[in-house]
Amino acid sequence: MSDTSEDDNEISFPVKFLGRVEVVRPDGLQVLSEAAERLKMPQGDMSQNAAKKNKVLLFLSRGGVDVLEKKTKFMLYSCPLSTVSFCAVLPSSPKVFGFVARHPAAHVHHCYVFQSRALSHVLVSGIGEAFRASRKEERVGGGRDLIVEALRHKNKMLQRENAELKDKLANSKQ
């Protein structure tokens, strides 16, 4: 599901990229809900983003969140953690999640919206932990290793998946 490497200190997750829209506020579930709705509506380029549902790799590292095309590894977006102001799962659609980040060169915020079958909550937690770790590192000059935190989240997710598969296997034998 993900790739890790000690050399580059990042972890990746395959997800579908639903799109990016400019938002008026830097945080809140309402902002995420409105962005997801805007991406569903057929409006020029946005409808292409929503309809295409690009398969991407979401890279989480000490530096930030990067969105790369899955096949070509072309970087679509790079958001330093210092620019991320909000991250959540859409309550009305648990497979959809997103984060809001300030554009580094302009005074605007964008909401990046993704879809994942089983990883939405894990990714939101991972981004949140990365953000907290980067804040702690800025204040203290050190802190917990982001990779350890991301791997803990991945481990929890895999343990849950393993338990579900064991249950299914036990039920199918009966």
N, C-alpha and C. Protein backbone atom coordinates (compact mmCIF):
# COMPACT_ATOMS: atom_id res chain seq x y z
N MET A 1 0.80 -1.20 0.00
CA MET A 1 0.00 0.00 0.00
C MET A 1 0.84 1.26 0.00
N SER A 2 1.96 1.20 0.65
CA SER A 2 2.78 2.39 0.71
C SER A 2 4.23 2.01 0.57
N ASP A 3 5.01 2.99 0.21
CA ASP A 3 6.44 2.79 0.08
C ASP A 3 7.14 3.63 1.11
N THR A 4 8.14 3.07 1.76
CA THR A 4 8.93 3.86 2.69
C THR A 4 10.39 3.66 2.37
N SER A 5 11.16 4.65 2.67
CA SER A 5 12.58 4.59 2.47
C SER A 5 13.26 5.43 3.54
N GLU A 6 14.28 4.86 4.15
CA GLU A 6 14.97 5.62 5.19
C GLU A 6 15.76 6.77 4.59
N ASP A 7 16.13 6.65 3.31
CA ASP A 7 16.93 7.70 2.69
C ASP A 7 16.16 8.99 2.50
N ASP A 8 14.90 8.90 2.10
CA ASP A 8 14.17 10.13 1.79
C ASP A 8 13.13 10.49 2.85
N ASN A 9 12.97 9.67 3.91
CA ASN A 9 12.08 9.98 5.03
C ASN A 9 10.69 10.42 4.60
N GLU A 10 10.04 9.62 3.77
CA GLU A 10 8.68 9.92 3.36
C GLU A 10 7.91 8.63 3.20
N ILE A 11 6.61 8.76 3.22
CA ILE A 11 5.73 7.61 3.06
C ILE A 11 4.68 8.01 2.04
N SER A 12 4.27 7.05 1.20
CA SER A 12 3.31 7.38 0.15
C SER A 12 2.09 6.49 0.24
N PHE A 13 0.98 7.03 -0.23
CA PHE A 13 -0.29 6.33 -0.23
C PHE A 13 -0.96 6.54 -1.59
N PRO A 14 -1.45 5.47 -2.22
CA PRO A 14 -2.19 5.64 -3.48
C PRO A 14 -3.62 6.09 -3.19
N VAL A 15 -4.04 7.17 -3.81
CA VAL A 15 -5.39 7.71 -3.64
C VAL A 15 -5.87 8.27 -4.97
N LYS A 16 -7.14 8.64 -5.02
CA LYS A 16 -7.69 9.32 -6.20
C LYS A 16 -7.76 10.81 -5.88
N PHE A 17 -7.26 11.61 -6.80
CA PHE A 17 -7.28 13.06 -6.64
C PHE A 17 -8.53 13.59 -7.31
N LEU A 18 -9.43 14.16 -6.51
CA LEU A 18 -10.68 14.68 -7.06
C LEU A 18 -10.54 16.10 -7.57
N GLY A 19 -9.56 16.84 -7.04
CA GLY A 19 -9.32 18.19 -7.54
C GLY A 19 -8.88 19.16 -6.46
N ARG A 20 -8.64 20.37 -6.91
CA ARG A 20 -8.20 21.46 -6.03
C ARG A 20 -9.03 22.68 -6.36
N VAL A 21 -9.54 23.34 -5.33
CA VAL A 21 -10.31 24.56 -5.56
C VAL A 21 -9.85 25.64 -4.59
N GLU A 22 -9.96 26.87 -5.04
CA GLU A 22 -9.65 28.00 -4.17
C GLU A 22 -10.80 28.17 -3.17
N VAL A 23 -10.44 28.42 -1.92
CA VAL A 23 -11.43 28.59 -0.86
C VAL A 23 -11.22 29.93 -0.18
N VAL A 24 -12.27 30.42 0.49
CA VAL A 24 -12.21 31.75 1.09
C VAL A 24 -11.68 31.74 2.52
N ARG A 25 -11.80 30.58 3.18
CA ARG A 25 -11.32 30.47 4.57
C ARG A 25 -10.27 29.38 4.66
N PRO A 26 -9.37 29.46 5.65
CA PRO A 26 -8.31 28.47 5.75
C PRO A 26 -8.67 27.19 6.49
N ASP A 27 -9.89 27.09 7.05
CA ASP A 27 -10.21 25.87 7.79
C ASP A 27 -11.71 25.67 7.94
N GLY A 28 -12.06 24.48 8.40
CA GLY A 28 -13.46 24.17 8.70
C GLY A 28 -14.03 23.10 7.80
N LEU A 29 -14.90 22.27 8.39
CA LEU A 29 -15.57 21.23 7.63
C LEU A 29 -16.46 21.80 6.54
N GLN A 30 -17.02 22.98 6.80
CA GLN A 30 -17.86 23.62 5.79
C GLN A 30 -17.05 23.93 4.53
N VAL A 31 -15.81 24.37 4.71
CA VAL A 31 -14.93 24.66 3.58
C VAL A 31 -14.68 23.38 2.78
N LEU A 32 -14.40 22.28 3.48
CA LEU A 32 -14.16 21.00 2.81
C LEU A 32 -15.41 20.52 2.08
N SER A 33 -16.56 20.63 2.73
CA SER A 33 -17.82 20.21 2.10
C SER A 33 -18.11 21.02 0.84
N GLU A 34 -17.94 22.34 0.93
CA GLU A 34 -18.19 23.20 -0.23
C GLU A 34 -17.23 22.89 -1.36
N ALA A 35 -15.96 22.65 -1.03
CA ALA A 35 -14.98 22.33 -2.06
C ALA A 35 -15.34 21.02 -2.76
N ALA A 36 -15.74 20.01 -1.99
CA ALA A 36 -16.13 18.73 -2.58
C ALA A 36 -17.35 18.91 -3.49
N GLU A 37 -18.31 19.71 -3.06
CA GLU A 37 -19.50 19.97 -3.89
C GLU A 37 -19.13 20.70 -5.17
N ARG A 38 -18.27 21.70 -5.06
CA ARG A 38 -17.85 22.45 -6.26
C ARG A 38 -17.15 21.54 -7.25
N LEU A 39 -16.41 20.56 -6.76
CA LEU A 39 -15.71 19.64 -7.66
C LEU A 39 -16.66 18.67 -8.34
N LYS A 40 -17.82 18.43 -7.75
CA LYS A 40 -18.81 17.54 -8.36
C LYS A 40 -19.57 18.22 -9.49
N MET A 41 -19.69 19.56 -9.43
CA MET A 41 -20.47 20.30 -10.43
C MET A 41 -19.68 20.46 -11.72
N PRO A 42 -20.34 20.31 -12.88
CA PRO A 42 -19.65 20.49 -14.16
C PRO A 42 -19.39 21.97 -14.44
N GLN A 43 -18.16 22.39 -14.19
CA GLN A 43 -17.77 23.78 -14.46
C GLN A 43 -16.39 23.80 -15.12
N GLY A 44 -16.33 23.75 -16.39
CA GLY A 44 -15.07 23.88 -17.11
C GLY A 44 -14.03 22.89 -16.67
N ASP A 45 -12.86 23.39 -16.26
CA ASP A 45 -11.73 22.55 -15.89
C ASP A 45 -12.01 21.71 -14.64
N MET A 46 -12.83 22.24 -13.74
CA MET A 46 -13.11 21.51 -12.50
C MET A 46 -13.82 20.20 -12.79
N SER A 47 -14.73 20.20 -13.78
CA SER A 47 -15.46 18.98 -14.07
C SER A 47 -14.51 17.92 -14.62
N GLN A 48 -13.50 18.34 -15.36
CA GLN A 48 -12.52 17.38 -15.86
C GLN A 48 -11.76 16.78 -14.69
N ASN A 49 -11.38 17.60 -13.73
CA ASN A 49 -10.69 17.09 -12.55
C ASN A 49 -11.55 16.08 -11.82
N ALA A 50 -12.82 16.43 -11.59
CA ALA A 50 -13.71 15.57 -10.81
C ALA A 50 -14.02 14.29 -11.57
N ALA A 51 -14.24 14.40 -12.88
CA ALA A 51 -14.63 13.23 -13.64
C ALA A 51 -13.44 12.29 -13.85
N LYS A 52 -12.27 12.83 -14.02
CA LYS A 52 -11.10 12.02 -14.33
C LYS A 52 -10.64 11.20 -13.13
N LYS A 53 -10.73 11.78 -11.94
CA LYS A 53 -10.29 11.11 -10.72
C LYS A 53 -8.90 10.52 -10.90
N ASN A 54 -7.93 11.37 -11.09
CA ASN A 54 -6.55 10.94 -11.29
C ASN A 54 -6.08 10.05 -10.16
N LYS A 55 -5.42 8.98 -10.51
CA LYS A 55 -4.76 8.15 -9.50
C LYS A 55 -3.43 8.83 -9.21
N VAL A 56 -3.22 9.12 -7.93
CA VAL A 56 -2.02 9.82 -7.52
C VAL A 56 -1.40 9.11 -6.32
N LEU A 57 -0.18 9.51 -6.04
CA LEU A 57 0.49 9.10 -4.81
C LEU A 57 0.55 10.32 -3.92
N LEU A 58 0.10 10.18 -2.71
CA LEU A 58 0.15 11.26 -1.74
C LEU A 58 1.37 10.98 -0.86
N PHE A 59 2.38 11.83 -0.99
CA PHE A 59 3.62 11.65 -0.23
C PHE A 59 3.58 12.53 1.00
N LEU A 60 3.83 11.92 2.13
CA LEU A 60 3.88 12.63 3.40
C LEU A 60 5.32 12.58 3.88
N SER A 61 5.90 13.74 4.11
CA SER A 61 7.29 13.80 4.55
C SER A 61 7.45 14.89 5.60
N ARG A 62 8.63 15.01 6.11
CA ARG A 62 8.91 16.07 7.09
C ARG A 62 8.66 17.45 6.48
N GLY A 63 8.88 17.56 5.19
CA GLY A 63 8.74 18.85 4.53
C GLY A 63 7.31 19.23 4.21
N GLY A 64 6.45 18.24 3.96
CA GLY A 64 5.09 18.58 3.60
C GLY A 64 4.35 17.44 2.95
N VAL A 65 3.33 17.82 2.20
CA VAL A 65 2.48 16.87 1.48
C VAL A 65 2.68 17.14 -0.01
N ASP A 66 3.05 16.10 -0.74
CA ASP A 66 3.24 16.22 -2.18
C ASP A 66 2.24 15.32 -2.89
N VAL A 67 1.73 15.79 -4.02
CA VAL A 67 0.79 15.02 -4.83
C VAL A 67 1.48 14.73 -6.16
N LEU A 68 1.70 13.44 -6.45
CA LEU A 68 2.37 13.02 -7.67
C LEU A 68 1.46 12.11 -8.48
N GLU A 69 1.52 12.26 -9.83
CA GLU A 69 0.79 11.33 -10.68
C GLU A 69 1.36 9.94 -10.44
N LYS A 70 0.49 8.96 -10.35
CA LYS A 70 0.93 7.62 -9.97
C LYS A 70 1.85 6.99 -11.01
N LYS A 71 1.48 7.07 -12.28
CA LYS A 71 2.26 6.40 -13.32
C LYS A 71 3.57 7.13 -13.63
N THR A 72 3.49 8.42 -13.84
CA THR A 72 4.66 9.17 -14.31
C THR A 72 5.52 9.73 -13.18
N LYS A 73 4.98 9.77 -11.97
CA LYS A 73 5.63 10.38 -10.80
C LYS A 73 5.85 11.88 -10.99
N PHE A 74 5.07 12.49 -11.90
CA PHE A 74 5.12 13.93 -12.12
C PHE A 74 4.47 14.63 -10.93
N MET A 75 5.17 15.61 -10.35
CA MET A 75 4.63 16.31 -9.20
C MET A 75 3.57 17.31 -9.63
N LEU A 76 2.37 17.10 -9.12
CA LEU A 76 1.26 18.00 -9.42
C LEU A 76 1.25 19.19 -8.45
N TYR A 77 1.40 18.89 -7.16
CA TYR A 77 1.36 19.93 -6.14
C TYR A 77 2.32 19.57 -5.01
N SER A 78 2.86 20.58 -4.39
CA SER A 78 3.71 20.41 -3.22
C SER A 78 3.28 21.44 -2.18
N CYS A 79 2.90 20.96 -1.02
CA CYS A 79 2.39 21.84 0.05
C CYS A 79 3.24 21.67 1.30
N PRO A 80 4.09 22.64 1.60
CA PRO A 80 4.86 22.56 2.84
C PRO A 80 3.92 22.49 4.04
N LEU A 81 4.31 21.74 5.06
CA LEU A 81 3.44 21.59 6.24
C LEU A 81 3.11 22.92 6.89
N SER A 82 4.01 23.88 6.77
CA SER A 82 3.76 25.19 7.38
C SER A 82 2.61 25.93 6.71
N THR A 83 2.22 25.49 5.49
CA THR A 83 1.11 26.15 4.79
C THR A 83 -0.22 25.43 5.01
N VAL A 84 -0.19 24.22 5.55
CA VAL A 84 -1.42 23.44 5.77
C VAL A 84 -2.12 23.97 7.02
N SER A 85 -3.40 24.31 6.87
CA SER A 85 -4.14 24.89 7.99
C SER A 85 -5.29 24.00 8.46
N PHE A 86 -5.68 23.00 7.66
CA PHE A 86 -6.83 22.18 8.02
C PHE A 86 -6.77 20.87 7.25
N CYS A 87 -7.21 19.79 7.89
CA CYS A 87 -7.27 18.49 7.24
C CYS A 87 -8.36 17.68 7.90
N ALA A 88 -9.24 17.04 7.11
CA ALA A 88 -10.34 16.27 7.70
C ALA A 88 -10.93 15.31 6.68
N VAL A 89 -11.69 14.36 7.22
CA VAL A 89 -12.50 13.45 6.41
C VAL A 89 -13.87 14.09 6.28
N LEU A 90 -14.46 14.00 5.11
CA LEU A 90 -15.79 14.55 4.87
C LEU A 90 -16.82 13.69 5.61
N PRO A 91 -17.52 14.24 6.60
CA PRO A 91 -18.46 13.43 7.40
C PRO A 91 -19.55 12.75 6.56
N SER A 92 -20.02 13.41 5.53
CA SER A 92 -21.09 12.84 4.71
C SER A 92 -20.59 11.77 3.75
N SER A 93 -19.28 11.69 3.56
CA SER A 93 -18.70 10.71 2.64
C SER A 93 -17.34 10.28 3.20
N PRO A 94 -17.30 9.24 4.04
CA PRO A 94 -16.07 8.87 4.75
C PRO A 94 -14.89 8.46 3.87
N LYS A 95 -15.13 8.21 2.60
CA LYS A 95 -14.02 7.88 1.70
C LYS A 95 -13.32 9.14 1.18
N VAL A 96 -13.95 10.30 1.37
CA VAL A 96 -13.42 11.56 0.84
C VAL A 96 -12.76 12.34 1.97
N PHE A 97 -11.58 12.84 1.69
CA PHE A 97 -10.87 13.67 2.66
C PHE A 97 -10.15 14.79 1.91
N GLY A 98 -9.71 15.76 2.67
CA GLY A 98 -8.99 16.86 2.03
C GLY A 98 -8.24 17.69 3.03
N PHE A 99 -7.43 18.57 2.49
CA PHE A 99 -6.72 19.51 3.35
C PHE A 99 -6.68 20.88 2.68
N VAL A 100 -6.55 21.89 3.50
CA VAL A 100 -6.47 23.26 3.01
C VAL A 100 -5.04 23.75 3.24
N ALA A 101 -4.50 24.37 2.22
CA ALA A 101 -3.14 24.92 2.32
C ALA A 101 -3.09 26.30 1.67
N ARG A 102 -2.28 27.15 2.25
CA ARG A 102 -2.07 28.49 1.70
C ARG A 102 -1.07 28.39 0.56
N HIS A 103 -1.36 29.10 -0.51
CA HIS A 103 -0.43 29.15 -1.64
C HIS A 103 0.82 29.90 -1.18
N PRO A 104 2.01 29.36 -1.43
CA PRO A 104 3.22 30.00 -0.91
C PRO A 104 3.53 31.38 -1.51
N ALA A 105 3.08 31.63 -2.74
CA ALA A 105 3.41 32.90 -3.38
C ALA A 105 2.27 33.91 -3.34
N ALA A 106 1.05 33.44 -3.17
CA ALA A 106 -0.10 34.34 -3.17
C ALA A 106 -0.83 34.22 -1.83
N HIS A 107 -1.68 35.17 -1.54
CA HIS A 107 -2.44 35.13 -0.30
C HIS A 107 -3.81 34.50 -0.52
N VAL A 108 -3.79 33.26 -1.03
CA VAL A 108 -5.01 32.51 -1.26
C VAL A 108 -4.84 31.11 -0.66
N HIS A 109 -5.97 30.48 -0.37
CA HIS A 109 -5.97 29.12 0.14
C HIS A 109 -6.64 28.20 -0.86
N HIS A 110 -6.13 26.97 -0.96
CA HIS A 110 -6.72 25.96 -1.82
C HIS A 110 -7.08 24.74 -0.99
N CYS A 111 -8.18 24.12 -1.35
CA CYS A 111 -8.59 22.87 -0.73
C CYS A 111 -8.29 21.75 -1.72
N TYR A 112 -7.52 20.77 -1.29
CA TYR A 112 -7.16 19.61 -2.09
C TYR A 112 -8.04 18.46 -1.63
N VAL A 113 -8.79 17.85 -2.56
CA VAL A 113 -9.77 16.84 -2.19
C VAL A 113 -9.37 15.50 -2.82
N PHE A 114 -9.43 14.44 -2.01
CA PHE A 114 -9.02 13.10 -2.42
C PHE A 114 -10.08 12.08 -2.03
N GLN A 115 -9.94 10.88 -2.60
CA GLN A 115 -10.80 9.77 -2.24
C GLN A 115 -9.93 8.55 -2.02
N SER A 116 -10.24 7.81 -0.97
CA SER A 116 -9.53 6.57 -0.67
C SER A 116 -10.51 5.59 -0.07
N ARG A 117 -10.45 4.35 -0.49
CA ARG A 117 -11.41 3.36 0.00
C ARG A 117 -11.28 3.12 1.51
N ALA A 118 -10.04 2.95 1.99
CA ALA A 118 -9.88 2.58 3.40
C ALA A 118 -8.90 3.47 4.16
N LEU A 119 -8.24 4.38 3.48
CA LEU A 119 -7.15 5.11 4.12
C LEU A 119 -7.48 6.54 4.54
N SER A 120 -8.68 7.01 4.31
CA SER A 120 -9.00 8.41 4.57
C SER A 120 -8.65 8.84 5.99
N HIS A 121 -9.13 8.10 6.97
CA HIS A 121 -8.89 8.48 8.37
C HIS A 121 -7.41 8.36 8.72
N VAL A 122 -6.74 7.35 8.18
CA VAL A 122 -5.31 7.17 8.43
C VAL A 122 -4.52 8.34 7.86
N LEU A 123 -4.85 8.74 6.65
CA LEU A 123 -4.12 9.85 6.02
C LEU A 123 -4.36 11.17 6.75
N VAL A 124 -5.58 11.42 7.15
CA VAL A 124 -5.87 12.64 7.89
C VAL A 124 -5.09 12.64 9.21
N SER A 125 -5.07 11.50 9.89
CA SER A 125 -4.30 11.39 11.13
C SER A 125 -2.81 11.59 10.86
N GLY A 126 -2.33 10.98 9.80
CA GLY A 126 -0.92 11.11 9.44
C GLY A 126 -0.53 12.54 9.13
N ILE A 127 -1.36 13.24 8.36
CA ILE A 127 -1.08 14.64 8.04
C ILE A 127 -1.13 15.48 9.32
N GLY A 128 -2.10 15.20 10.17
CA GLY A 128 -2.20 15.92 11.44
C GLY A 128 -0.98 15.69 12.32
N GLU A 129 -0.54 14.43 12.41
CA GLU A 129 0.65 14.12 13.21
C GLU A 129 1.89 14.78 12.61
N ALA A 130 2.00 14.76 11.30
CA ALA A 130 3.14 15.41 10.64
C ALA A 130 3.15 16.90 10.93
N PHE A 131 1.97 17.50 10.88
CA PHE A 131 1.85 18.93 11.17
C PHE A 131 2.27 19.22 12.61
N ARG A 132 1.75 18.41 13.56
CA ARG A 132 2.12 18.61 14.97
C ARG A 132 3.61 18.39 15.20
N ALA A 133 4.15 17.35 14.54
CA ALA A 133 5.58 17.07 14.69
C ALA A 133 6.42 18.21 14.13
N SER A 134 5.99 18.79 13.01
CA SER A 134 6.76 19.89 12.43
C SER A 134 6.67 21.12 13.31
N ARG A 135 5.51 21.37 13.91
CA ARG A 135 5.35 22.50 14.84
C ARG A 135 6.24 22.30 16.07
N LYS A 136 6.23 21.08 16.61
CA LYS A 136 7.05 20.78 17.79
C LYS A 136 8.53 20.95 17.44
N GLU A 137 8.91 20.49 16.25
CA GLU A 137 10.29 20.61 15.81
C GLU A 137 10.70 22.07 15.70
N GLU A 138 9.79 22.91 15.18
CA GLU A 138 10.08 24.34 15.04
C GLU A 138 10.30 24.98 16.41
N ARG A 139 9.47 24.59 17.39
CA ARG A 139 9.57 25.19 18.72
C ARG A 139 10.73 24.65 19.53
N VAL A 140 10.94 23.34 19.49
CA VAL A 140 11.91 22.70 20.36
C VAL A 140 13.25 22.46 19.66
N GLY A 141 13.23 22.43 18.35
CA GLY A 141 14.46 22.15 17.62
C GLY A 141 14.69 20.65 17.49
N GLY A 142 13.68 19.86 17.69
CA GLY A 142 13.76 18.40 17.59
C GLY A 142 12.36 17.86 17.70
N GLY A 143 12.22 16.62 17.99
CA GLY A 143 10.88 16.06 18.17
C GLY A 143 10.77 14.67 17.62
N ARG A 144 9.57 14.16 17.61
CA ARG A 144 9.33 12.80 17.15
C ARG A 144 9.57 12.70 15.66
N ASP A 145 10.02 11.56 15.28
CA ASP A 145 10.30 11.31 13.88
C ASP A 145 8.99 11.09 13.13
N LEU A 146 8.80 11.85 12.05
CA LEU A 146 7.58 11.76 11.26
C LEU A 146 7.37 10.36 10.70
N ILE A 147 8.41 9.72 10.28
CA ILE A 147 8.28 8.39 9.70
C ILE A 147 7.76 7.40 10.73
N VAL A 148 8.25 7.50 11.96
CA VAL A 148 7.77 6.61 13.02
C VAL A 148 6.27 6.81 13.22
N GLU A 149 5.83 8.06 13.25
CA GLU A 149 4.40 8.34 13.43
C GLU A 149 3.58 7.79 12.26
N ALA A 150 4.06 8.01 11.04
CA ALA A 150 3.33 7.53 9.87
C ALA A 150 3.27 6.01 9.86
N LEU A 151 4.36 5.37 10.25
CA LEU A 151 4.37 3.91 10.29
C LEU A 151 3.47 3.37 11.39
N ARG A 152 3.36 4.08 12.50
CA ARG A 152 2.43 3.67 13.55
C ARG A 152 1.00 3.68 13.04
N HIS A 153 0.66 4.74 12.30
CA HIS A 153 -0.69 4.82 11.72
C HIS A 153 -0.91 3.69 10.72
N LYS A 154 0.08 3.44 9.89
CA LYS A 154 -0.04 2.37 8.91
C LYS A 154 -0.18 1.03 9.62
N ASN A 155 0.59 0.81 10.67
CA ASN A 155 0.53 -0.43 11.43
C ASN A 155 -0.87 -0.64 12.01
N LYS A 156 -1.46 0.41 12.59
CA LYS A 156 -2.81 0.30 13.14
C LYS A 156 -3.81 -0.08 12.05
N MET A 157 -3.68 0.55 10.90
CA MET A 157 -4.58 0.27 9.79
C MET A 157 -4.43 -1.17 9.32
N LEU A 158 -3.21 -1.65 9.21
CA LEU A 158 -2.97 -3.01 8.76
C LEU A 158 -3.44 -4.03 9.80
N GLN A 159 -3.30 -3.71 11.08
CA GLN A 159 -3.80 -4.60 12.12
C GLN A 159 -5.32 -4.73 12.03
N ARG A 160 -6.01 -3.60 11.81
CA ARG A 160 -7.46 -3.64 11.65
C ARG A 160 -7.85 -4.48 10.43
N GLU A 161 -7.14 -4.24 9.32
CA GLU A 161 -7.42 -4.99 8.10
C GLU A 161 -7.17 -6.48 8.31
N ASN A 162 -6.10 -6.82 9.01
CA ASN A 162 -5.77 -8.21 9.30
C ASN A 162 -6.87 -8.87 10.13
N ALA A 163 -7.35 -8.16 11.15
CA ALA A 163 -8.42 -8.69 12.00
C ALA A 163 -9.69 -8.92 11.19
N GLU A 164 -10.02 -7.97 10.29
CA GLU A 164 -11.20 -8.13 9.44
C GLU A 164 -11.06 -9.34 8.53
N LEU A 165 -9.88 -9.54 7.97
CA LEU A 165 -9.66 -10.68 7.07
C LEU A 165 -9.72 -12.00 7.84
N LYS A 166 -9.21 -12.02 9.05
CA LYS A 166 -9.29 -13.22 9.88
C LYS A 166 -10.74 -13.56 10.18
N ASP A 167 -11.54 -12.53 10.50
CA ASP A 167 -12.96 -12.74 10.75
C ASP A 167 -13.66 -13.29 9.51
N LYS A 168 -13.39 -12.72 8.36
CA LYS A 168 -13.99 -13.20 7.11
C LYS A 168 -13.60 -14.64 6.84
N LEU A 169 -12.34 -14.96 7.08
CA LEU A 169 -11.87 -16.31 6.84
C LEU A 169 -12.54 -17.28 7.80
N ALA A 170 -12.66 -16.90 9.05
CA ALA A 170 -13.32 -17.75 10.04
C ALA A 170 -14.80 -17.95 9.69
N ASN A 171 -15.44 -16.89 9.23
CA ASN A 171 -16.86 -16.98 8.85
C ASN A 171 -17.07 -17.84 7.62
N SER A 172 -16.12 -17.78 6.69
CA SER A 172 -16.27 -18.55 5.45
C SER A 172 -16.04 -20.05 5.69
N LYS A 173 -15.32 -20.42 6.74
CA LYS A 173 -15.08 -21.82 7.06
C LYS A 173 -16.27 -22.46 7.74
N GLN A 174 -17.14 -21.63 8.33
CA GLN A 174 -18.28 -22.16 9.08
C GLN A 174 -19.43 -22.51 8.19
